[in-house]
């Protein structure tokens, strides 16, 4: 692995004996890969990024980049941030307002002879599509242009690893999505290995070859977007990625030679479920099954009816919150020309290609009682 993070642990001194900010995280990136860390606020993703950059000192684990050991507290290894050859792009761009665009980009390569420095700056500005803005001031550029200049400045010294901390969070949604695609193209064209932090799932999906979901300092899953959505490893990942609910279900194992097992829900049995049953937890008996909004199909001819409790307009689709006759709640994405009113009963059916089941959580034990 080009980037190899092994059982990394970061604990802030003021936290005392409290939980670690980064707790035993392991992940890897091959050369030229783009990784993305997502998760709720306070989950440790930025702290992990800062530890890789050398801006936070880990108390355990190891960090290696391109075969060089950068951090290993057990053996007293901690390479200073300025000696790591790691670039970083921040949320606020951190451009120097008193310098021109060209001078900003050239700041990190000031050691080069003037002609080489000028050539490198011109190359980077062409790469990000802003060669004609070289002599302008940062405040004369739009937010998206400033972010591209920050990227050009970070790439100019040819870092072996680039770290980006929520680089698009100050931009409007449309610009963020467009810039995410552009930045991915730039990084791929230069073969740059990069690790992003973001809170935006669509941004993560647009950018990342591999994506990590963090929660309370731990890395819950490190995989591609398809696997995170269709094969979540934990209940947290299943809840955090996309729209869905956990529905009570029962796995029934068929007699030997009769075709495996089936999953039964309040919406009826799930078709062709046998091959994927239990890939995330439950093996037989009572369980919870993950039902995504795109697993529920509006079908007026279906005998299963549900009441529209809430609706959210998404342009081409409505996201409906539906209540079944037994009280169970599900979500459904329905084409927006099917505009049903709140309180209306509609027919639905399941169309589940990836059945993901989890062992049902144990009910909490009431205070003062004991389990047999």
Protein backbone atom coordinates (compact mmCIF):
# COMPACT_ATOMS: atom_id res chain seq x y z
CA UNK A 1 0.00 0.00 0.00
CA UNK A 2 1.20 3.52 -0.81
CA UNK A 3 -0.59 4.93 2.25
CA UNK A 4 -0.74 2.43 5.11
CA UNK A 5 -2.47 3.45 8.34
CA UNK A 6 -2.32 0.64 10.90
CA UNK A 7 -4.26 0.67 14.20
CA UNK A 8 -3.82 4.44 14.52
CA UNK A 9 -4.88 5.96 17.81
CA UNK A 10 -5.09 9.66 18.71
CA UNK A 11 -6.09 10.84 22.14
CA UNK A 12 -6.26 14.48 23.20
CA UNK A 13 -4.56 15.18 26.50
CA UNK A 14 -7.49 17.24 27.80
CA UNK A 15 -9.80 14.27 27.23
CA UNK A 16 -8.03 12.35 29.99
CA UNK A 17 -9.37 8.83 30.21
CA UNK A 18 -12.24 9.59 27.82
CA UNK A 19 -12.69 7.90 24.43
CA UNK A 20 -9.95 8.30 21.83
CA UNK A 21 -10.56 10.79 19.01
CA UNK A 22 -9.20 8.14 16.61
CA UNK A 23 -9.48 4.62 17.96
CA UNK A 24 -7.55 1.84 16.23
CA UNK A 25 -8.16 2.90 12.62
CA UNK A 26 -6.56 0.90 9.81
CA UNK A 27 -6.85 1.78 6.11
CA UNK A 28 -4.78 1.76 2.96
CA UNK A 29 -4.54 3.43 -0.44
CA UNK A 30 -2.68 2.23 -3.49
CA UNK A 31 -0.66 4.73 -5.49
CA UNK A 32 -2.99 6.99 -7.47
CA UNK A 33 -6.09 6.04 -5.51
CA UNK A 34 -8.47 8.60 -4.01
CA UNK A 35 -9.90 7.84 -0.58
CA UNK A 36 -12.67 9.71 1.20
CA UNK A 37 -13.59 9.76 4.90
CA UNK A 38 -17.19 10.57 5.84
CA UNK A 39 -19.13 10.47 9.07
CA UNK A 40 -21.04 12.68 11.50
CA UNK A 41 -19.50 15.72 13.15
CA UNK A 42 -17.03 14.77 15.85
CA UNK A 43 -16.45 11.25 14.52
CA UNK A 44 -12.67 11.75 14.20
CA UNK A 45 -12.26 12.03 10.43
CA UNK A 46 -10.46 15.40 10.48
CA UNK A 47 -8.30 14.31 13.42
CA UNK A 48 -7.26 11.24 11.41
CA UNK A 49 -6.38 13.44 8.44
CA UNK A 50 -4.33 15.77 10.65
CA UNK A 51 -2.49 12.81 12.17
CA UNK A 52 -1.49 11.57 8.71
CA UNK A 53 -0.32 15.12 7.91
CA UNK A 54 1.81 15.22 11.06
CA UNK A 55 -0.28 17.97 12.67
CA UNK A 56 -1.51 15.67 15.47
CA UNK A 57 0.70 13.21 17.30
CA UNK A 58 -0.74 9.68 17.53
CA UNK A 59 -0.37 7.74 20.77
CA UNK A 60 -0.51 4.36 19.06
CA UNK A 61 -0.33 2.63 15.70
CA UNK A 62 1.70 3.36 12.58
CA UNK A 63 1.56 5.57 9.49
CA UNK A 64 3.60 4.76 6.38
CA UNK A 65 3.66 6.62 3.06
CA UNK A 66 5.46 5.18 0.03
CA UNK A 67 7.34 2.75 2.28
CA UNK A 68 8.58 5.43 4.69
CA UNK A 69 7.57 5.12 8.33
CA UNK A 70 6.21 8.48 9.45
CA UNK A 71 4.66 7.63 12.83
CA UNK A 72 5.32 4.83 15.30
CA UNK A 73 4.98 6.02 18.92
CA UNK A 74 6.21 2.70 20.31
CA UNK A 75 9.60 3.26 18.72
CA UNK A 76 9.69 7.05 19.05
CA UNK A 77 9.20 7.75 15.34
CA UNK A 78 7.44 11.00 14.39
CA UNK A 79 8.53 12.72 11.20
CA UNK A 80 7.74 16.47 11.34
CA UNK A 81 4.90 17.69 9.13
CA UNK A 82 7.21 19.82 6.98
CA UNK A 83 9.40 16.81 6.18
CA UNK A 84 6.60 14.45 5.06
CA UNK A 85 6.15 15.71 1.48
CA UNK A 86 2.41 15.75 2.07
CA UNK A 87 0.24 18.52 0.62
CA UNK A 88 -2.91 19.81 2.28
CA UNK A 89 -5.92 21.77 1.06
CA UNK A 90 -8.06 23.38 3.73
CA UNK A 91 -11.73 24.25 3.98
CA UNK A 92 -11.05 28.01 3.90
CA UNK A 93 -8.57 27.81 0.95
CA UNK A 94 -5.90 29.68 3.04
CA UNK A 95 -4.79 31.77 0.05
CA UNK A 96 -2.57 34.78 0.76
CA UNK A 97 -4.74 37.84 -0.02
CA UNK A 98 -1.73 40.13 -0.64
CA UNK A 99 -0.23 37.82 -3.27
CA UNK A 100 -1.32 37.32 -6.86
CA UNK A 101 -2.73 33.99 -8.00
CA UNK A 102 0.62 33.10 -9.57
CA UNK A 103 2.52 34.02 -6.40
CA UNK A 104 0.14 31.92 -4.33
CA UNK A 105 0.72 28.89 -6.53
CA UNK A 106 4.47 29.49 -6.54
CA UNK A 107 4.72 29.87 -2.77
CA UNK A 108 5.52 26.20 -2.15
CA UNK A 109 8.19 26.03 -4.87
CA UNK A 110 10.14 29.17 -3.97
CA UNK A 111 13.35 27.08 -3.78
CA UNK A 112 13.29 26.44 -7.54
CA UNK A 113 15.24 28.69 -9.91
CA UNK A 114 13.02 31.53 -11.20
CA UNK A 115 12.54 30.07 -14.68
CA UNK A 116 11.62 26.62 -13.34
CA UNK A 117 9.30 28.15 -10.75
CA UNK A 118 7.49 30.22 -13.39
CA UNK A 119 7.14 27.17 -15.64
CA UNK A 120 5.79 25.09 -12.76
CA UNK A 121 3.26 27.78 -11.83
CA UNK A 122 2.09 28.08 -15.43
CA UNK A 123 1.75 24.28 -15.67
CA UNK A 124 -0.38 24.13 -12.51
CA UNK A 125 -2.61 27.03 -13.59
CA UNK A 126 -3.21 25.34 -16.94
CA UNK A 127 -3.98 22.09 -15.14
CA UNK A 128 -6.77 23.73 -13.12
CA UNK A 129 -7.99 25.82 -16.07
CA UNK A 130 -7.01 29.23 -14.71
CA UNK A 131 -3.92 30.18 -16.73
CA UNK A 132 -5.51 33.54 -17.62
CA UNK A 133 -5.92 34.47 -13.93
CA UNK A 134 -2.23 34.44 -13.00
CA UNK A 135 -1.95 38.14 -12.15
CA UNK A 136 -5.32 38.54 -10.49
CA UNK A 137 -5.84 38.75 -6.73
CA UNK A 138 -7.60 35.88 -4.92
CA UNK A 139 -10.55 38.09 -3.95
CA UNK A 140 -11.22 38.72 -7.65
CA UNK A 141 -12.00 35.04 -8.16
CA UNK A 142 -15.13 33.05 -7.38
CA UNK A 143 -15.18 30.49 -4.58
CA UNK A 144 -14.78 27.62 -7.01
CA UNK A 145 -11.85 29.33 -8.72
CA UNK A 146 -10.19 30.02 -5.37
CA UNK A 147 -10.51 26.35 -4.46
CA UNK A 148 -8.87 25.35 -7.74
CA UNK A 149 -6.01 27.78 -7.01
CA UNK A 150 -5.61 26.20 -3.56
CA UNK A 151 -5.43 22.80 -5.28
CA UNK A 152 -2.84 24.08 -7.77
CA UNK A 153 -0.73 25.48 -4.93
CA UNK A 154 -0.87 22.15 -3.07
CA UNK A 155 0.09 20.18 -6.22
CA UNK A 156 2.94 22.51 -7.28
CA UNK A 157 5.58 20.95 -4.96
CA UNK A 158 4.60 17.48 -6.31
CA UNK A 159 3.57 15.99 -2.96
CA UNK A 160 3.54 12.23 -2.74
CA UNK A 161 0.21 12.40 -0.88
CA UNK A 162 -2.49 15.09 -0.91
CA UNK A 163 -4.89 15.61 2.00
CA UNK A 164 -8.07 17.68 1.58
CA UNK A 165 -10.23 18.71 4.56
CA UNK A 166 -13.81 19.48 3.43
CA UNK A 167 -12.49 21.55 0.51
CA UNK A 168 -15.91 22.28 -1.02
CA UNK A 169 -18.01 22.94 2.09
CA UNK A 170 -18.13 26.73 1.52
CA UNK A 171 -19.55 26.35 -1.99
CA UNK A 172 -23.12 26.00 -3.19
CA UNK A 173 -24.44 22.51 -3.93
CA UNK A 174 -24.32 22.66 -7.75
CA UNK A 175 -20.77 24.05 -7.76
CA UNK A 176 -19.62 21.46 -5.22
CA UNK A 177 -20.82 18.56 -7.35
CA UNK A 178 -19.26 19.99 -10.51
CA UNK A 179 -15.98 20.84 -8.78
CA UNK A 180 -15.78 17.39 -7.17
CA UNK A 181 -15.84 15.81 -10.63
CA UNK A 182 -13.27 18.32 -11.93
CA UNK A 183 -10.91 17.78 -9.00
CA UNK A 184 -11.13 14.01 -9.37
CA UNK A 185 -10.16 14.40 -13.03
CA UNK A 186 -7.20 16.63 -12.11
CA UNK A 187 -5.94 14.20 -9.47
CA UNK A 188 -6.31 11.23 -11.80
CA UNK A 189 -4.48 13.05 -14.60
CA UNK A 190 -1.52 13.72 -12.29
CA UNK A 191 -1.59 10.26 -10.65
CA UNK A 192 -1.88 11.88 -7.23
CA UNK A 193 -2.77 9.74 -4.23
CA UNK A 194 -5.27 11.68 -2.13
CA UNK A 195 -7.35 11.40 1.02
CA UNK A 196 -10.41 13.64 1.42
CA UNK A 197 -12.60 14.45 4.39
CA UNK A 198 -16.21 15.43 3.69
CA UNK A 199 -19.64 15.25 5.32
CA UNK A 200 -21.43 15.07 1.95
CA UNK A 201 -22.23 11.55 0.72
CA UNK A 202 -22.80 12.53 -2.92
CA UNK A 203 -19.48 14.35 -2.90
CA UNK A 204 -17.80 11.27 -1.45
CA UNK A 205 -19.37 9.03 -4.10
CA UNK A 206 -18.26 11.40 -6.89
CA UNK A 207 -14.68 11.59 -5.63
CA UNK A 208 -13.68 8.36 -4.00
CA UNK A 209 -12.27 5.11 -5.32
CA UNK A 210 -12.67 3.89 -1.76
CA UNK A 211 -14.72 5.45 1.05
CA UNK A 212 -14.47 5.09 4.81
CA UNK A 213 -17.39 5.64 7.19
CA UNK A 214 -16.27 6.75 10.65
CA UNK A 215 -18.22 6.75 13.89
CA UNK A 216 -17.01 7.70 17.37
CA UNK A 217 -13.36 7.45 16.37
CA UNK A 218 -13.65 4.07 14.67
CA UNK A 219 -13.67 3.14 11.01
CA UNK A 220 -16.88 1.18 10.47
CA UNK A 221 -16.22 0.21 6.83
CA UNK A 222 -13.61 0.96 4.15
CA UNK A 223 -14.89 0.03 0.70
CA UNK A 224 -16.24 1.38 -2.57
CA UNK A 225 -19.52 3.29 -2.75
CA UNK A 226 -21.46 0.35 -4.20
CA UNK A 227 -20.51 -1.91 -1.30
CA UNK A 228 -21.29 0.75 1.31
CA UNK A 229 -24.78 1.20 -0.12
CA UNK A 230 -25.69 -2.39 -0.99
CA UNK A 231 -23.56 -4.38 1.48
CA UNK A 232 -23.12 -2.24 4.62
CA UNK A 233 -20.96 -4.02 7.19
CA UNK A 234 -22.66 -2.54 10.26
CA UNK A 235 -25.99 -1.11 11.29
CA UNK A 236 -24.38 2.33 11.57
CA UNK A 237 -23.21 2.27 7.94
CA UNK A 238 -26.65 1.04 6.85
CA UNK A 239 -28.29 3.98 8.66
CA UNK A 240 -25.75 6.59 7.60
CA UNK A 241 -25.56 5.83 3.87
CA UNK A 242 -28.63 6.58 1.78
CA UNK A 243 -32.28 6.44 2.87
CA UNK A 244 -33.67 3.33 4.49
CA UNK A 245 -35.24 1.70 7.52
CA UNK A 246 -34.72 -1.49 9.51
CA UNK A 247 -37.82 -3.66 9.21
CA UNK A 248 -38.63 -6.62 11.43
CA UNK A 249 -38.20 -9.87 9.52
CA UNK A 250 -37.92 -13.60 9.94
CA UNK A 251 -35.52 -15.92 8.17
CA UNK A 252 -36.96 -19.33 7.46
CA UNK A 253 -34.58 -22.09 6.48
CA UNK A 254 -36.05 -24.52 3.99
CA UNK A 255 -35.56 -28.27 4.05
CA UNK A 256 -32.30 -29.52 2.53
CA UNK A 257 -32.43 -29.59 -1.26
CA UNK A 258 -35.49 -27.34 -1.50
CA UNK A 259 -33.77 -24.09 -2.46
CA UNK A 260 -32.29 -22.49 0.66
CA UNK A 261 -34.08 -19.98 2.86
CA UNK A 262 -36.44 -17.04 2.61
CA UNK A 263 -36.89 -13.70 4.37
CA UNK A 264 -40.41 -12.76 5.44
CA UNK A 265 -41.44 -9.17 6.20
CA UNK A 266 -44.66 -7.23 6.77
CA UNK A 267 -44.62 -6.57 3.01
CA UNK A 268 -44.42 -10.27 2.25
CA UNK A 269 -41.48 -12.55 1.40
CA UNK A 270 -38.46 -11.04 -0.33
CA UNK A 271 -37.78 -12.64 -3.68
CA UNK A 272 -34.50 -14.39 -4.50
CA UNK A 273 -33.16 -13.68 -1.05
CA UNK A 274 -31.39 -16.94 -0.29
CA UNK A 275 -27.99 -16.08 -1.77
CA UNK A 276 -27.53 -12.93 0.27
CA UNK A 277 -29.22 -13.71 3.57
CA UNK A 278 -27.18 -12.82 6.61
CA UNK A 279 -24.29 -11.10 4.84
CA UNK A 280 -24.30 -8.54 7.62
CA UNK A 281 -25.39 -10.39 10.70
CA UNK A 282 -28.40 -12.61 11.15
CA UNK A 283 -28.25 -16.25 10.08
CA UNK A 284 -31.70 -17.55 10.94
CA UNK A 285 -34.79 -16.73 12.97
CA UNK A 286 -35.86 -13.20 13.95
CA UNK A 287 -33.82 -10.41 12.42
CA UNK A 288 -33.97 -6.90 10.97
CA UNK A 289 -33.73 -6.39 7.23
CA UNK A 290 -32.52 -3.18 5.61
CA UNK A 291 -35.10 -1.74 3.21
CA UNK A 292 -33.84 1.16 1.11
CA UNK A 293 -36.20 3.73 -0.34
CA UNK A 294 -35.43 2.33 -3.81
CA UNK A 295 -36.38 -1.18 -2.62
CA UNK A 296 -40.03 -0.08 -2.27
CA UNK A 297 -41.94 0.26 -5.53
CA UNK A 298 -45.26 2.06 -5.97
CA UNK A 299 -47.71 -0.43 -7.49
CA UNK A 300 -51.46 0.25 -7.37
CA UNK A 301 -52.21 -3.39 -8.15
CA UNK A 302 -50.32 -4.65 -5.10
CA UNK A 303 -52.39 -6.09 -2.24
CA UNK A 304 -50.01 -4.41 0.25
CA UNK A 305 -51.24 -0.91 1.06
CA UNK A 306 -49.48 1.92 2.88
CA UNK A 307 -50.53 5.36 4.05
CA UNK A 308 -48.54 8.43 2.98
CA UNK A 309 -47.40 10.07 6.23
CA UNK A 310 -44.89 12.56 4.81
CA UNK A 311 -43.58 13.55 1.39
CA UNK A 312 -40.45 15.42 0.33
CA UNK A 313 -40.16 16.74 -3.22
CA UNK A 314 -36.81 15.82 -4.84
CA UNK A 315 -37.41 17.11 -8.37
CA UNK A 316 -37.76 13.94 -10.42
CA UNK A 317 -38.97 12.01 -7.37
CA UNK A 318 -40.86 12.23 -4.11
CA UNK A 319 -39.42 10.63 -1.02
CA UNK A 320 -42.48 9.21 0.72
CA UNK A 321 -42.61 8.13 4.35
CA UNK A 322 -45.21 5.36 4.43
CA UNK A 323 -47.02 3.54 7.25
CA UNK A 324 -48.20 -0.03 6.72
CA UNK A 325 -51.47 -1.29 8.14
CA UNK A 326 -49.61 -2.96 11.01
CA UNK A 327 -47.88 0.30 11.94
CA UNK A 328 -44.49 -0.44 10.38
CA UNK A 329 -42.83 2.47 8.58
CA UNK A 330 -40.95 2.35 5.26
CA UNK A 331 -39.56 4.86 2.78
CA UNK A 332 -40.16 4.92 -0.97
CA UNK A 333 -38.83 6.92 -3.89
CA UNK A 334 -41.70 7.52 -6.31
CA UNK A 335 -41.62 9.42 -9.64
CA UNK A 336 -42.86 12.94 -8.97
CA UNK A 337 -45.73 12.71 -11.45
CA UNK A 338 -47.27 10.28 -8.91
CA UNK A 339 -48.23 13.11 -6.57
CA UNK A 340 -50.18 11.48 -3.75
CA UNK A 341 -51.52 13.51 -0.87
CA UNK A 342 -50.63 12.95 2.76
CA UNK A 343 -53.12 10.51 4.28
CA UNK A 344 -53.74 8.67 1.00
CA UNK A 345 -53.34 4.88 0.86
CA UNK A 346 -51.29 3.54 -2.04
CA UNK A 347 -50.18 0.09 -3.19
CA UNK A 348 -46.53 -0.89 -2.74
CA UNK A 349 -44.34 -3.94 -3.23
CA UNK A 350 -40.71 -4.84 -2.60
CA UNK A 351 -38.11 -5.14 -5.32
CA UNK A 352 -34.96 -6.03 -3.38
CA UNK A 353 -31.82 -7.08 -5.22
CA UNK A 354 -29.52 -6.97 -2.19
CA UNK A 355 -30.95 -8.46 0.99
CA UNK A 356 -29.03 -7.23 4.03
CA UNK A 357 -30.01 -8.64 7.41
CA UNK A 358 -28.82 -7.80 10.89
CA UNK A 359 -29.23 -9.59 14.18
CA UNK A 360 -31.98 -7.84 16.11
CA UNK A 361 -30.63 -5.69 18.96
CA UNK A 362 -31.34 -7.03 22.41
CA UNK A 363 -33.94 -5.07 24.35
CA UNK A 364 -32.42 -3.13 27.27
CA UNK A 365 -32.78 -4.79 30.66
CA UNK A 366 -35.01 -2.72 33.01
CA UNK A 367 -33.20 -1.30 36.03
CA UNK A 368 -33.24 -3.68 38.96
CA UNK A 369 -34.00 -6.76 36.89
CA UNK A 370 -31.74 -9.62 35.81
CA UNK A 371 -31.59 -11.94 32.83
CA UNK A 372 -32.20 -15.63 33.33
